[in-house]
Amino acid sequence: MGLFKRVKNVMLADLHDLIDKLEDPISMTKQYLRELEEQMEKAQRALAQQFAIERRYEQLIQQAEEMIEKRARQAKLAVEKNEEAIAKMALQEKIAYEKKLALYKQQYETLKEKTTYLTEQLKQLHEKYEELKAKQLDLIARANAAQAIKDINASLISFNPEHALKGFARMEERILALEAEAKASSYLYESYKALHTLPLQNEVEKELEQLKEAK
């Protein structure tokens, strides 16, 4: 049982690690925004369809009103001419168009309500999208800061002050050795200069005396 339990724990740990890698905070916020953008696009298409249907109903209402007015004129003219049959036909069509007009207006009002609802929903989606975009910038800044702090802390944890101190001590020893070599080379140079300059000065003095005596 102990072995199976250990295997189970290892598998769960690997699974959690995989989930942590998959659920990268910044990537997830981008995914959420993409999903919201898709919803806004669908809402915009639906709203465009609503406006098109509304426009069609406005045309139907206008046509029905025109036909009602036209048939009313025809019925009145037929009555004036004692053409009762034609007057009845005109009135029949007028009544039919009045019923259509009532239905068109009822459906048009229902469409307007849905259009208003969709418009409000789209407005809310846009507001939420802008809110989440601002929130994403804040999360990105916080994530970058957290990662930087994590990296710095990891560096400090792995930093070995004893190793650094030993390294500085070695560098100081090397510099002291270089300084000693430089001092020794300066001493040798001065000694060489003194040995070669003095005989030359003596020869100069000797020839100068000879020139004075020859005057």
N, C-alpha and C. Protein backbone atom coordinates (compact mmCIF):
# COMPACT_ATOMS: atom_id res chain seq x y z
N MET A 1 0.83 -1.21 0.00
CA MET A 1 0.00 0.00 0.00
C MET A 1 0.87 1.26 0.00
N GLY A 2 2.02 1.19 0.74
CA GLY A 2 2.90 2.35 0.80
C GLY A 2 3.45 2.72 -0.57
N LEU A 3 3.80 1.70 -1.38
CA LEU A 3 4.34 1.94 -2.71
C LEU A 3 3.29 2.59 -3.61
N PHE A 4 2.07 2.05 -3.58
CA PHE A 4 1.00 2.61 -4.40
C PHE A 4 0.69 4.06 -4.00
N LYS A 5 0.76 4.32 -2.71
CA LYS A 5 0.48 5.67 -2.23
C LYS A 5 1.55 6.65 -2.72
N ARG A 6 2.82 6.19 -2.70
CA ARG A 6 3.90 7.05 -3.18
C ARG A 6 3.75 7.33 -4.67
N VAL A 7 3.40 6.29 -5.43
CA VAL A 7 3.20 6.46 -6.87
C VAL A 7 2.07 7.45 -7.14
N LYS A 8 0.98 7.31 -6.36
CA LYS A 8 -0.16 8.21 -6.50
C LYS A 8 0.25 9.65 -6.21
N ASN A 9 1.03 9.87 -5.16
CA ASN A 9 1.47 11.21 -4.80
C ASN A 9 2.34 11.83 -5.89
N VAL A 10 3.22 11.01 -6.47
CA VAL A 10 4.09 11.48 -7.54
C VAL A 10 3.26 11.89 -8.76
N MET A 11 2.27 11.04 -9.10
CA MET A 11 1.41 11.33 -10.25
C MET A 11 0.61 12.61 -10.02
N LEU A 12 0.10 12.79 -8.80
CA LEU A 12 -0.67 14.00 -8.49
C LEU A 12 0.23 15.24 -8.57
N ALA A 13 1.44 15.10 -8.08
CA ALA A 13 2.38 16.23 -8.12
C ALA A 13 2.69 16.61 -9.56
N ASP A 14 2.92 15.60 -10.40
CA ASP A 14 3.18 15.87 -11.83
C ASP A 14 1.98 16.53 -12.49
N LEU A 15 0.78 16.06 -12.13
CA LEU A 15 -0.44 16.63 -12.70
C LEU A 15 -0.62 18.08 -12.30
N HIS A 16 -0.39 18.37 -11.04
CA HIS A 16 -0.52 19.75 -10.57
C HIS A 16 0.52 20.66 -11.23
N ASP A 17 1.72 20.12 -11.42
CA ASP A 17 2.76 20.90 -12.08
C ASP A 17 2.36 21.21 -13.52
N LEU A 18 1.77 20.23 -14.20
CA LEU A 18 1.31 20.43 -15.57
C LEU A 18 0.21 21.48 -15.64
N ILE A 19 -0.72 21.42 -14.70
CA ILE A 19 -1.82 22.39 -14.66
C ILE A 19 -1.27 23.79 -14.43
N ASP A 20 -0.29 23.90 -13.52
CA ASP A 20 0.31 25.21 -13.25
C ASP A 20 0.95 25.78 -14.50
N LYS A 21 1.61 24.90 -15.29
CA LYS A 21 2.25 25.36 -16.51
C LYS A 21 1.23 25.76 -17.56
N LEU A 22 0.15 24.98 -17.62
CA LEU A 22 -0.89 25.28 -18.61
C LEU A 22 -1.63 26.57 -18.27
N GLU A 23 -1.89 26.78 -16.97
CA GLU A 23 -2.65 27.96 -16.54
C GLU A 23 -1.72 29.14 -16.28
N ASP A 24 -0.96 29.51 -17.31
CA ASP A 24 -0.14 30.70 -17.20
C ASP A 24 -1.07 31.91 -17.08
N PRO A 25 -0.93 32.73 -16.06
CA PRO A 25 -1.88 33.82 -15.81
C PRO A 25 -2.07 34.75 -17.00
N ILE A 26 -0.98 35.17 -17.62
CA ILE A 26 -1.08 36.12 -18.72
C ILE A 26 -1.75 35.48 -19.94
N SER A 27 -1.37 34.22 -20.23
CA SER A 27 -1.99 33.52 -21.36
C SER A 27 -3.48 33.33 -21.12
N MET A 28 -3.85 33.04 -19.89
CA MET A 28 -5.27 32.83 -19.58
C MET A 28 -6.06 34.13 -19.74
N THR A 29 -5.50 35.26 -19.33
CA THR A 29 -6.21 36.53 -19.51
C THR A 29 -6.41 36.84 -20.98
N LYS A 30 -5.41 36.50 -21.81
CA LYS A 30 -5.54 36.72 -23.25
C LYS A 30 -6.65 35.84 -23.82
N GLN A 31 -6.73 34.59 -23.32
CA GLN A 31 -7.77 33.69 -23.78
C GLN A 31 -9.16 34.20 -23.40
N TYR A 32 -9.28 34.69 -22.17
CA TYR A 32 -10.57 35.23 -21.71
C TYR A 32 -10.99 36.42 -22.57
N LEU A 33 -10.04 37.28 -22.92
CA LEU A 33 -10.35 38.43 -23.74
C LEU A 33 -10.75 38.02 -25.16
N ARG A 34 -10.07 36.99 -25.69
CA ARG A 34 -10.45 36.49 -27.02
C ARG A 34 -11.87 35.96 -27.01
N GLU A 35 -12.23 35.24 -25.95
CA GLU A 35 -13.60 34.71 -25.84
C GLU A 35 -14.61 35.85 -25.76
N LEU A 36 -14.26 36.90 -25.03
CA LEU A 36 -15.16 38.05 -24.91
C LEU A 36 -15.29 38.78 -26.26
N GLU A 37 -14.19 38.85 -27.00
CA GLU A 37 -14.22 39.46 -28.33
C GLU A 37 -15.15 38.68 -29.26
N GLU A 38 -15.10 37.35 -29.16
CA GLU A 38 -15.99 36.52 -29.97
C GLU A 38 -17.45 36.78 -29.62
N GLN A 39 -17.73 36.92 -28.33
CA GLN A 39 -19.09 37.20 -27.90
C GLN A 39 -19.56 38.56 -28.41
N MET A 40 -18.67 39.54 -28.40
CA MET A 40 -19.03 40.87 -28.90
C MET A 40 -19.30 40.83 -30.41
N GLU A 41 -18.50 40.06 -31.14
CA GLU A 41 -18.71 39.94 -32.58
C GLU A 41 -20.07 39.29 -32.88
N LYS A 42 -20.42 38.25 -32.11
CA LYS A 42 -21.73 37.61 -32.29
C LYS A 42 -22.86 38.58 -31.99
N ALA A 43 -22.70 39.33 -30.90
CA ALA A 43 -23.73 40.30 -30.52
C ALA A 43 -23.87 41.39 -31.58
N GLN A 44 -22.76 41.83 -32.16
CA GLN A 44 -22.80 42.85 -33.20
C GLN A 44 -23.51 42.33 -34.46
N ARG A 45 -23.22 41.06 -34.82
CA ARG A 45 -23.90 40.48 -35.97
C ARG A 45 -25.40 40.35 -35.72
N ALA A 46 -25.75 39.91 -34.52
CA ALA A 46 -27.17 39.78 -34.17
C ALA A 46 -27.86 41.14 -34.19
N LEU A 47 -27.16 42.16 -33.70
CA LEU A 47 -27.74 43.50 -33.68
C LEU A 47 -27.93 44.03 -35.10
N ALA A 48 -26.95 43.74 -35.96
CA ALA A 48 -27.06 44.16 -37.36
C ALA A 48 -28.27 43.50 -38.03
N GLN A 49 -28.50 42.21 -37.72
CA GLN A 49 -29.66 41.51 -38.25
C GLN A 49 -30.95 42.13 -37.73
N GLN A 50 -30.97 42.50 -36.46
CA GLN A 50 -32.15 43.14 -35.89
C GLN A 50 -32.48 44.44 -36.60
N PHE A 51 -31.44 45.24 -36.86
CA PHE A 51 -31.67 46.51 -37.55
C PHE A 51 -32.20 46.28 -38.97
N ALA A 52 -31.68 45.23 -39.63
CA ALA A 52 -32.15 44.92 -40.98
C ALA A 52 -33.62 44.50 -40.96
N ILE A 53 -34.00 43.68 -39.97
CA ILE A 53 -35.39 43.22 -39.87
C ILE A 53 -36.30 44.40 -39.52
N GLU A 54 -35.81 45.25 -38.64
CA GLU A 54 -36.59 46.45 -38.29
C GLU A 54 -36.86 47.29 -39.53
N ARG A 55 -35.83 47.48 -40.33
CA ARG A 55 -35.98 48.26 -41.56
C ARG A 55 -37.01 47.62 -42.48
N ARG A 56 -37.01 46.29 -42.56
CA ARG A 56 -37.98 45.59 -43.40
C ARG A 56 -39.40 45.80 -42.88
N TYR A 57 -39.58 45.73 -41.57
CA TYR A 57 -40.91 45.96 -40.99
C TYR A 57 -41.37 47.40 -41.19
N GLU A 58 -40.44 48.34 -41.11
CA GLU A 58 -40.80 49.73 -41.36
C GLU A 58 -41.33 49.90 -42.79
N GLN A 59 -40.71 49.19 -43.73
CA GLN A 59 -41.16 49.23 -45.12
C GLN A 59 -42.55 48.59 -45.25
N LEU A 60 -42.76 47.44 -44.56
CA LEU A 60 -44.05 46.77 -44.63
C LEU A 60 -45.16 47.65 -44.03
N ILE A 61 -44.84 48.30 -42.91
CA ILE A 61 -45.82 49.20 -42.28
C ILE A 61 -46.16 50.35 -43.21
N GLN A 62 -45.13 50.93 -43.82
CA GLN A 62 -45.36 52.04 -44.74
C GLN A 62 -46.21 51.59 -45.94
N GLN A 63 -45.89 50.42 -46.49
CA GLN A 63 -46.66 49.91 -47.63
C GLN A 63 -48.12 49.64 -47.24
N ALA A 64 -48.31 49.04 -46.04
CA ALA A 64 -49.68 48.75 -45.59
C ALA A 64 -50.47 50.05 -45.40
N GLU A 65 -49.84 51.06 -44.82
CA GLU A 65 -50.52 52.34 -44.62
C GLU A 65 -50.88 52.98 -45.97
N GLU A 66 -49.99 52.86 -46.92
CA GLU A 66 -50.26 53.42 -48.25
C GLU A 66 -51.42 52.68 -48.92
N MET A 67 -51.42 51.33 -48.78
CA MET A 67 -52.50 50.55 -49.39
C MET A 67 -53.85 50.84 -48.71
N ILE A 68 -53.85 51.02 -47.41
CA ILE A 68 -55.09 51.35 -46.68
C ILE A 68 -55.65 52.67 -47.19
N GLU A 69 -54.77 53.66 -47.31
CA GLU A 69 -55.20 54.97 -47.80
C GLU A 69 -55.69 54.88 -49.24
N LYS A 70 -54.97 54.08 -50.04
CA LYS A 70 -55.35 53.93 -51.45
C LYS A 70 -56.70 53.25 -51.59
N ARG A 71 -56.92 52.14 -50.85
CA ARG A 71 -58.20 51.41 -50.94
C ARG A 71 -59.35 52.25 -50.37
N ALA A 72 -59.06 53.06 -49.37
CA ALA A 72 -60.11 53.95 -48.83
C ALA A 72 -60.55 54.95 -49.89
N ARG A 73 -59.59 55.51 -50.62
CA ARG A 73 -59.93 56.44 -51.68
C ARG A 73 -60.74 55.75 -52.79
N GLN A 74 -60.30 54.52 -53.12
CA GLN A 74 -61.00 53.77 -54.17
C GLN A 74 -62.44 53.45 -53.75
N ALA A 75 -62.62 53.07 -52.47
CA ALA A 75 -63.98 52.75 -51.99
C ALA A 75 -64.86 54.00 -52.01
N LYS A 76 -64.31 55.11 -51.59
CA LYS A 76 -65.07 56.36 -51.59
C LYS A 76 -65.46 56.75 -53.01
N LEU A 77 -64.51 56.63 -53.93
CA LEU A 77 -64.79 56.98 -55.31
C LEU A 77 -65.84 56.05 -55.92
N ALA A 78 -65.75 54.73 -55.57
CA ALA A 78 -66.72 53.76 -56.09
C ALA A 78 -68.12 54.06 -55.57
N VAL A 79 -68.23 54.47 -54.30
CA VAL A 79 -69.54 54.81 -53.72
C VAL A 79 -70.12 56.02 -54.44
N GLU A 80 -69.26 56.98 -54.69
CA GLU A 80 -69.71 58.19 -55.39
C GLU A 80 -70.24 57.86 -56.79
N LYS A 81 -69.68 56.81 -57.39
CA LYS A 81 -70.10 56.41 -58.74
C LYS A 81 -71.16 55.30 -58.70
N ASN A 82 -71.63 55.00 -57.50
CA ASN A 82 -72.64 53.94 -57.33
C ASN A 82 -72.13 52.57 -57.80
N GLU A 83 -70.82 52.35 -57.62
CA GLU A 83 -70.24 51.05 -57.98
C GLU A 83 -70.01 50.28 -56.68
N GLU A 84 -71.09 49.74 -56.16
CA GLU A 84 -71.07 49.10 -54.84
C GLU A 84 -70.15 47.88 -54.79
N ALA A 85 -70.12 47.09 -55.82
CA ALA A 85 -69.28 45.89 -55.85
C ALA A 85 -67.80 46.26 -55.74
N ILE A 86 -67.45 47.29 -56.51
CA ILE A 86 -66.04 47.73 -56.47
C ILE A 86 -65.73 48.33 -55.10
N ALA A 87 -66.69 49.05 -54.54
CA ALA A 87 -66.50 49.65 -53.22
C ALA A 87 -66.29 48.57 -52.17
N LYS A 88 -67.06 47.48 -52.25
CA LYS A 88 -66.91 46.38 -51.28
C LYS A 88 -65.53 45.72 -51.40
N MET A 89 -65.10 45.51 -52.66
CA MET A 89 -63.78 44.90 -52.87
C MET A 89 -62.67 45.79 -52.29
N ALA A 90 -62.81 47.09 -52.51
CA ALA A 90 -61.81 48.02 -51.99
C ALA A 90 -61.81 48.03 -50.47
N LEU A 91 -63.00 48.03 -49.89
CA LEU A 91 -63.10 48.01 -48.43
C LEU A 91 -62.59 46.70 -47.84
N GLN A 92 -62.81 45.61 -48.54
CA GLN A 92 -62.33 44.30 -48.07
C GLN A 92 -60.79 44.29 -48.00
N GLU A 93 -60.18 44.80 -49.07
CA GLU A 93 -58.72 44.87 -49.07
C GLU A 93 -58.22 45.86 -48.02
N LYS A 94 -58.97 46.96 -47.86
CA LYS A 94 -58.57 47.95 -46.84
C LYS A 94 -58.56 47.32 -45.45
N ILE A 95 -59.61 46.56 -45.14
CA ILE A 95 -59.70 45.91 -43.82
C ILE A 95 -58.58 44.88 -43.66
N ALA A 96 -58.29 44.12 -44.73
CA ALA A 96 -57.22 43.12 -44.67
C ALA A 96 -55.87 43.78 -44.39
N TYR A 97 -55.63 44.92 -45.05
CA TYR A 97 -54.36 45.63 -44.83
C TYR A 97 -54.31 46.26 -43.44
N GLU A 98 -55.46 46.67 -42.91
CA GLU A 98 -55.49 47.21 -41.55
C GLU A 98 -55.09 46.13 -40.53
N LYS A 99 -55.57 44.90 -40.77
CA LYS A 99 -55.19 43.79 -39.89
C LYS A 99 -53.69 43.48 -40.02
N LYS A 100 -53.22 43.51 -41.27
CA LYS A 100 -51.78 43.30 -41.47
C LYS A 100 -50.98 44.39 -40.77
N LEU A 101 -51.47 45.64 -40.90
CA LEU A 101 -50.76 46.76 -40.29
C LEU A 101 -50.69 46.59 -38.77
N ALA A 102 -51.79 46.18 -38.18
CA ALA A 102 -51.80 45.97 -36.72
C ALA A 102 -50.79 44.89 -36.33
N LEU A 103 -50.74 43.80 -37.13
CA LEU A 103 -49.80 42.72 -36.84
C LEU A 103 -48.36 43.19 -37.03
N TYR A 104 -48.10 43.94 -38.14
CA TYR A 104 -46.75 44.45 -38.39
C TYR A 104 -46.27 45.35 -37.25
N LYS A 105 -47.19 46.21 -36.79
CA LYS A 105 -46.81 47.13 -35.71
C LYS A 105 -46.51 46.39 -34.41
N GLN A 106 -47.31 45.36 -34.15
CA GLN A 106 -47.08 44.56 -32.94
C GLN A 106 -45.73 43.85 -33.01
N GLN A 107 -45.45 43.23 -34.16
CA GLN A 107 -44.17 42.54 -34.33
C GLN A 107 -43.01 43.53 -34.33
N TYR A 108 -43.25 44.71 -34.90
CA TYR A 108 -42.21 45.74 -34.93
C TYR A 108 -41.85 46.19 -33.52
N GLU A 109 -42.84 46.38 -32.67
CA GLU A 109 -42.57 46.78 -31.28
C GLU A 109 -41.79 45.71 -30.53
N THR A 110 -42.16 44.43 -30.79
CA THR A 110 -41.42 43.32 -30.16
C THR A 110 -39.96 43.33 -30.61
N LEU A 111 -39.75 43.57 -31.91
CA LEU A 111 -38.39 43.64 -32.44
C LEU A 111 -37.61 44.80 -31.81
N LYS A 112 -38.29 45.93 -31.64
CA LYS A 112 -37.62 47.09 -31.04
C LYS A 112 -37.17 46.79 -29.62
N GLU A 113 -37.99 46.06 -28.89
CA GLU A 113 -37.62 45.69 -27.52
C GLU A 113 -36.38 44.79 -27.53
N LYS A 114 -36.36 43.83 -28.45
CA LYS A 114 -35.19 42.93 -28.54
C LYS A 114 -33.95 43.70 -28.99
N THR A 115 -34.15 44.64 -29.89
CA THR A 115 -33.02 45.46 -30.35
C THR A 115 -32.45 46.29 -29.20
N THR A 116 -33.34 46.86 -28.42
CA THR A 116 -32.90 47.65 -27.25
C THR A 116 -32.13 46.77 -26.27
N TYR A 117 -32.63 45.56 -26.07
CA TYR A 117 -31.97 44.62 -25.15
C TYR A 117 -30.58 44.25 -25.69
N LEU A 118 -30.50 43.92 -26.98
CA LEU A 118 -29.21 43.56 -27.57
C LEU A 118 -28.23 44.73 -27.53
N THR A 119 -28.74 45.93 -27.78
CA THR A 119 -27.88 47.12 -27.73
C THR A 119 -27.31 47.31 -26.33
N GLU A 120 -28.13 47.12 -25.32
CA GLU A 120 -27.65 47.25 -23.94
C GLU A 120 -26.65 46.16 -23.59
N GLN A 121 -26.94 44.94 -24.05
CA GLN A 121 -26.01 43.84 -23.79
C GLN A 121 -24.65 44.10 -24.44
N LEU A 122 -24.68 44.58 -25.69
CA LEU A 122 -23.43 44.87 -26.40
C LEU A 122 -22.66 45.99 -25.70
N LYS A 123 -23.39 46.99 -25.22
CA LYS A 123 -22.75 48.09 -24.49
C LYS A 123 -22.06 47.56 -23.23
N GLN A 124 -22.74 46.68 -22.51
CA GLN A 124 -22.16 46.11 -21.30
C GLN A 124 -20.94 45.26 -21.62
N LEU A 125 -21.01 44.52 -22.73
CA LEU A 125 -19.86 43.71 -23.15
C LEU A 125 -18.66 44.59 -23.45
N HIS A 126 -18.90 45.71 -24.15
CA HIS A 126 -17.81 46.63 -24.45
C HIS A 126 -17.21 47.21 -23.17
N GLU A 127 -18.07 47.60 -22.25
CA GLU A 127 -17.58 48.15 -20.98
C GLU A 127 -16.77 47.11 -20.21
N LYS A 128 -17.28 45.89 -20.18
CA LYS A 128 -16.57 44.82 -19.47
C LYS A 128 -15.24 44.52 -20.16
N TYR A 129 -15.24 44.56 -21.49
CA TYR A 129 -14.01 44.30 -22.25
C TYR A 129 -12.94 45.35 -21.91
N GLU A 130 -13.33 46.62 -21.92
CA GLU A 130 -12.38 47.69 -21.60
C GLU A 130 -11.89 47.56 -20.15
N GLU A 131 -12.79 47.17 -19.28
CA GLU A 131 -12.42 46.98 -17.87
C GLU A 131 -11.39 45.85 -17.73
N LEU A 132 -11.64 44.75 -18.45
CA LEU A 132 -10.72 43.61 -18.38
C LEU A 132 -9.40 43.91 -19.07
N LYS A 133 -9.43 44.72 -20.12
CA LYS A 133 -8.17 45.10 -20.78
C LYS A 133 -7.29 45.87 -19.80
N ALA A 134 -7.91 46.81 -19.07
CA ALA A 134 -7.15 47.57 -18.07
C ALA A 134 -6.65 46.64 -16.97
N LYS A 135 -7.51 45.70 -16.56
CA LYS A 135 -7.12 44.75 -15.53
C LYS A 135 -5.98 43.86 -16.00
N GLN A 136 -5.99 43.52 -17.29
CA GLN A 136 -4.92 42.68 -17.84
C GLN A 136 -3.57 43.40 -17.74
N LEU A 137 -3.56 44.70 -18.07
CA LEU A 137 -2.31 45.47 -17.95
C LEU A 137 -1.80 45.46 -16.52
N ASP A 138 -2.72 45.60 -15.57
CA ASP A 138 -2.33 45.57 -14.16
C ASP A 138 -1.77 44.20 -13.78
N LEU A 139 -2.43 43.13 -14.27
CA LEU A 139 -1.96 41.78 -13.96
C LEU A 139 -0.60 41.49 -14.59
N ILE A 140 -0.40 41.98 -15.82
CA ILE A 140 0.90 41.78 -16.48
C ILE A 140 2.01 42.47 -15.68
N ALA A 141 1.74 43.71 -15.25
CA ALA A 141 2.74 44.44 -14.46
C ALA A 141 3.03 43.71 -13.15
N ARG A 142 1.97 43.24 -12.50
CA ARG A 142 2.17 42.52 -11.23
C ARG A 142 2.90 41.20 -11.44
N ALA A 143 2.56 40.51 -12.52
CA ALA A 143 3.23 39.23 -12.81
C ALA A 143 4.70 39.44 -13.09
N ASN A 144 5.02 40.48 -13.87
CA ASN A 144 6.43 40.77 -14.17
C ASN A 144 7.20 41.13 -12.91
N ALA A 145 6.55 41.93 -12.06
CA ALA A 145 7.21 42.32 -10.80
C ALA A 145 7.43 41.10 -9.91
N ALA A 146 6.40 40.24 -9.83
CA ALA A 146 6.52 39.03 -9.00
C ALA A 146 7.61 38.12 -9.52
N GLN A 147 7.69 37.97 -10.85
CA GLN A 147 8.72 37.12 -11.44
C GLN A 147 10.11 37.68 -11.19
N ALA A 148 10.22 39.02 -11.30
CA ALA A 148 11.52 39.65 -11.04
C ALA A 148 11.96 39.43 -9.59
N ILE A 149 11.02 39.60 -8.66
CA ILE A 149 11.33 39.37 -7.24
C ILE A 149 11.71 37.91 -7.00
N LYS A 150 10.97 37.02 -7.66
CA LYS A 150 11.27 35.59 -7.52
C LYS A 150 12.67 35.28 -8.02
N ASP A 151 13.03 35.85 -9.18
CA ASP A 151 14.36 35.62 -9.75
C ASP A 151 15.45 36.18 -8.85
N ILE A 152 15.20 37.40 -8.31
CA ILE A 152 16.20 38.01 -7.42
C ILE A 152 16.38 37.17 -6.16
N ASN A 153 15.26 36.72 -5.59
CA ASN A 153 15.36 35.90 -4.38
C ASN A 153 16.08 34.59 -4.66
N ALA A 154 15.80 34.00 -5.84
CA ALA A 154 16.49 32.76 -6.21
C ALA A 154 17.99 33.00 -6.32
N SER A 155 18.36 34.15 -6.89
CA SER A 155 19.78 34.48 -7.02
C SER A 155 20.42 34.68 -5.65
N LEU A 156 19.68 35.35 -4.75
CA LEU A 156 20.23 35.58 -3.42
C LEU A 156 20.38 34.27 -2.65
N ILE A 157 19.41 33.36 -2.86
CA ILE A 157 19.49 32.07 -2.17
C ILE A 157 20.69 31.26 -2.66
N SER A 158 20.92 31.31 -3.98
CA SER A 158 22.03 30.53 -4.55
C SER A 158 23.38 31.22 -4.36
N PHE A 159 23.35 32.50 -3.95
CA PHE A 159 24.59 33.24 -3.76
C PHE A 159 25.34 32.74 -2.53
N ASN A 160 26.65 32.45 -2.70
CA ASN A 160 27.50 31.95 -1.61
C ASN A 160 28.49 33.03 -1.22
N PRO A 161 28.27 33.72 -0.09
CA PRO A 161 29.18 34.80 0.29
C PRO A 161 30.60 34.32 0.56
N GLU A 162 30.77 33.10 1.10
CA GLU A 162 32.11 32.56 1.36
C GLU A 162 32.89 32.42 0.07
N HIS A 163 32.20 31.96 -0.97
CA HIS A 163 32.86 31.81 -2.27
C HIS A 163 33.30 33.17 -2.80
N ALA A 164 32.42 34.18 -2.63
CA ALA A 164 32.76 35.52 -3.10
C ALA A 164 33.94 36.09 -2.33
N LEU A 165 33.95 35.87 -1.00
CA LEU A 165 35.05 36.38 -0.17
C LEU A 165 36.37 35.73 -0.57
N LYS A 166 36.33 34.43 -0.80
CA LYS A 166 37.56 33.74 -1.23
C LYS A 166 38.03 34.26 -2.58
N GLY A 167 37.07 34.52 -3.46
CA GLY A 167 37.43 35.05 -4.77
C GLY A 167 38.08 36.41 -4.66
N PHE A 168 37.54 37.28 -3.78
CA PHE A 168 38.13 38.61 -3.59
C PHE A 168 39.52 38.49 -2.98
N ALA A 169 39.68 37.54 -2.07
CA ALA A 169 41.00 37.36 -1.44
C ALA A 169 42.03 36.93 -2.49
N ARG A 170 41.63 36.03 -3.39
CA ARG A 170 42.55 35.60 -4.45
C ARG A 170 42.92 36.76 -5.36
N MET A 171 41.93 37.60 -5.69
CA MET A 171 42.20 38.74 -6.55
C MET A 171 43.14 39.72 -5.86
N GLU A 172 42.95 39.90 -4.54
CA GLU A 172 43.83 40.82 -3.80
C GLU A 172 45.26 40.30 -3.79
N GLU A 173 45.43 38.98 -3.62
CA GLU A 173 46.76 38.38 -3.63
C GLU A 173 47.44 38.61 -4.98
N ARG A 174 46.66 38.44 -6.06
CA ARG A 174 47.22 38.65 -7.39
C ARG A 174 47.63 40.09 -7.59
N ILE A 175 46.82 41.03 -7.08
CA ILE A 175 47.14 42.45 -7.23
C ILE A 175 48.38 42.81 -6.41
N LEU A 176 48.47 42.24 -5.20
CA LEU A 176 49.68 42.48 -4.38
C LEU A 176 50.92 41.96 -5.09
N ALA A 177 50.80 40.81 -5.74
CA ALA A 177 51.94 40.25 -6.47
C ALA A 177 52.31 41.16 -7.64
N LEU A 178 51.29 41.65 -8.34
CA LEU A 178 51.56 42.57 -9.45
C LEU A 178 52.24 43.83 -8.97
N GLU A 179 51.77 44.37 -7.81
CA GLU A 179 52.38 45.57 -7.26
C GLU A 179 53.84 45.33 -6.88
N ALA A 180 54.10 44.13 -6.32
CA ALA A 180 55.48 43.79 -5.95
C ALA A 180 56.36 43.68 -7.18
N GLU A 181 55.84 43.07 -8.24
CA GLU A 181 56.61 42.96 -9.48
C GLU A 181 56.88 44.34 -10.07
N ALA A 182 55.84 45.22 -10.01
CA ALA A 182 56.03 46.56 -10.54
C ALA A 182 57.09 47.32 -9.75
N LYS A 183 57.09 47.17 -8.43
CA LYS A 183 58.08 47.84 -7.59
C LYS A 183 59.49 47.32 -7.89
N ALA A 184 59.58 46.00 -8.08
CA ALA A 184 60.90 45.40 -8.38
C ALA A 184 61.41 45.88 -9.72
N SER A 185 60.52 45.94 -10.71
CA SER A 185 60.95 46.39 -12.04
C SER A 185 61.38 47.86 -12.00
N SER A 186 60.70 48.68 -11.16
CA SER A 186 61.11 50.08 -11.02
C SER A 186 62.49 50.19 -10.40
N TYR A 187 62.78 49.36 -9.42
CA TYR A 187 64.09 49.36 -8.77
C TYR A 187 65.19 48.98 -9.76
N LEU A 188 64.91 47.92 -10.56
CA LEU A 188 65.89 47.49 -11.55
C LEU A 188 66.14 48.58 -12.58
N TYR A 189 65.07 49.28 -12.97
CA TYR A 189 65.23 50.34 -13.97
C TYR A 189 66.08 51.48 -13.44
N GLU A 190 65.82 51.88 -12.21
CA GLU A 190 66.59 52.98 -11.61
C GLU A 190 68.06 52.60 -11.47
N SER A 191 68.30 51.33 -11.10
CA SER A 191 69.68 50.86 -10.95
C SER A 191 70.39 50.87 -12.29
N TYR A 192 69.70 50.41 -13.32
CA TYR A 192 70.28 50.38 -14.67
C TYR A 192 70.58 51.79 -15.15
N LYS A 193 69.63 52.67 -14.89
CA LYS A 193 69.79 54.05 -15.30
C LYS A 193 70.99 54.70 -14.62
N ALA A 194 71.15 54.43 -13.33
CA ALA A 194 72.27 55.03 -12.58
C ALA A 194 73.61 54.51 -13.09
N LEU A 195 73.68 53.20 -13.37
CA LEU A 195 74.94 52.61 -13.83
C LEU A 195 75.36 53.15 -15.18
N HIS A 196 74.43 53.41 -16.05
CA HIS A 196 74.77 53.82 -17.41
C HIS A 196 74.85 55.33 -17.56
N THR A 197 74.26 56.05 -16.68
CA THR A 197 74.25 57.51 -16.81
C THR A 197 75.53 58.12 -16.22
N LEU A 198 76.04 57.56 -15.09
CA LEU A 198 77.21 58.12 -14.42
C LEU A 198 78.47 58.09 -15.29
N PRO A 199 78.90 56.98 -15.90
CA PRO A 199 80.10 56.98 -16.78
C PRO A 199 79.95 57.97 -17.92
N LEU A 200 78.78 58.08 -18.47
CA LEU A 200 78.55 59.00 -19.57
C LEU A 200 78.76 60.44 -19.11
N GLN A 201 78.34 60.76 -17.94
CA GLN A 201 78.50 62.12 -17.41
C GLN A 201 79.99 62.44 -17.19
N ASN A 202 80.73 61.43 -16.72
CA ASN A 202 82.18 61.62 -16.51
C ASN A 202 82.89 61.92 -17.82
N GLU A 203 82.52 61.23 -18.89
CA GLU A 203 83.13 61.47 -20.19
C GLU A 203 82.81 62.86 -20.70
N VAL A 204 81.59 63.30 -20.46
CA VAL A 204 81.18 64.65 -20.89
C VAL A 204 82.03 65.71 -20.16
N GLU A 205 82.24 65.55 -18.87
CA GLU A 205 83.03 66.51 -18.09
C GLU A 205 84.48 66.54 -18.56
N LYS A 206 84.99 65.34 -18.91
CA LYS A 206 86.39 65.23 -19.35
C LYS A 206 86.60 65.96 -20.66
N GLU A 207 85.72 65.77 -21.61
CA GLU A 207 85.86 66.44 -22.91
C GLU A 207 85.64 67.94 -22.78
N LEU A 208 84.75 68.32 -21.85
CA LEU A 208 84.53 69.76 -21.65
C LEU A 208 85.81 70.43 -21.14
N GLU A 209 86.56 69.78 -20.24
CA GLU A 209 87.81 70.33 -19.71
C GLU A 209 88.86 70.47 -20.82
N GLN A 210 88.85 69.46 -21.71
CA GLN A 210 89.81 69.49 -22.80
C GLN A 210 89.52 70.68 -23.74
N LEU A 211 88.30 70.96 -23.95
CA LEU A 211 87.94 72.08 -24.80
C LEU A 211 88.33 73.40 -24.16
N LYS A 212 88.16 73.48 -22.86
CA LYS A 212 88.54 74.73 -22.16
C LYS A 212 90.06 74.96 -22.24
N GLU A 213 90.88 73.88 -22.11
CA GLU A 213 92.32 74.01 -22.14
C GLU A 213 92.81 74.37 -23.54
N ALA A 214 92.12 73.95 -24.55
CA ALA A 214 92.54 74.21 -25.93
C ALA A 214 92.27 75.64 -26.36
N LYS A 215 91.64 76.45 -25.59
CA LYS A 215 91.28 77.83 -25.96
C LYS A 215 92.53 78.72 -26.00
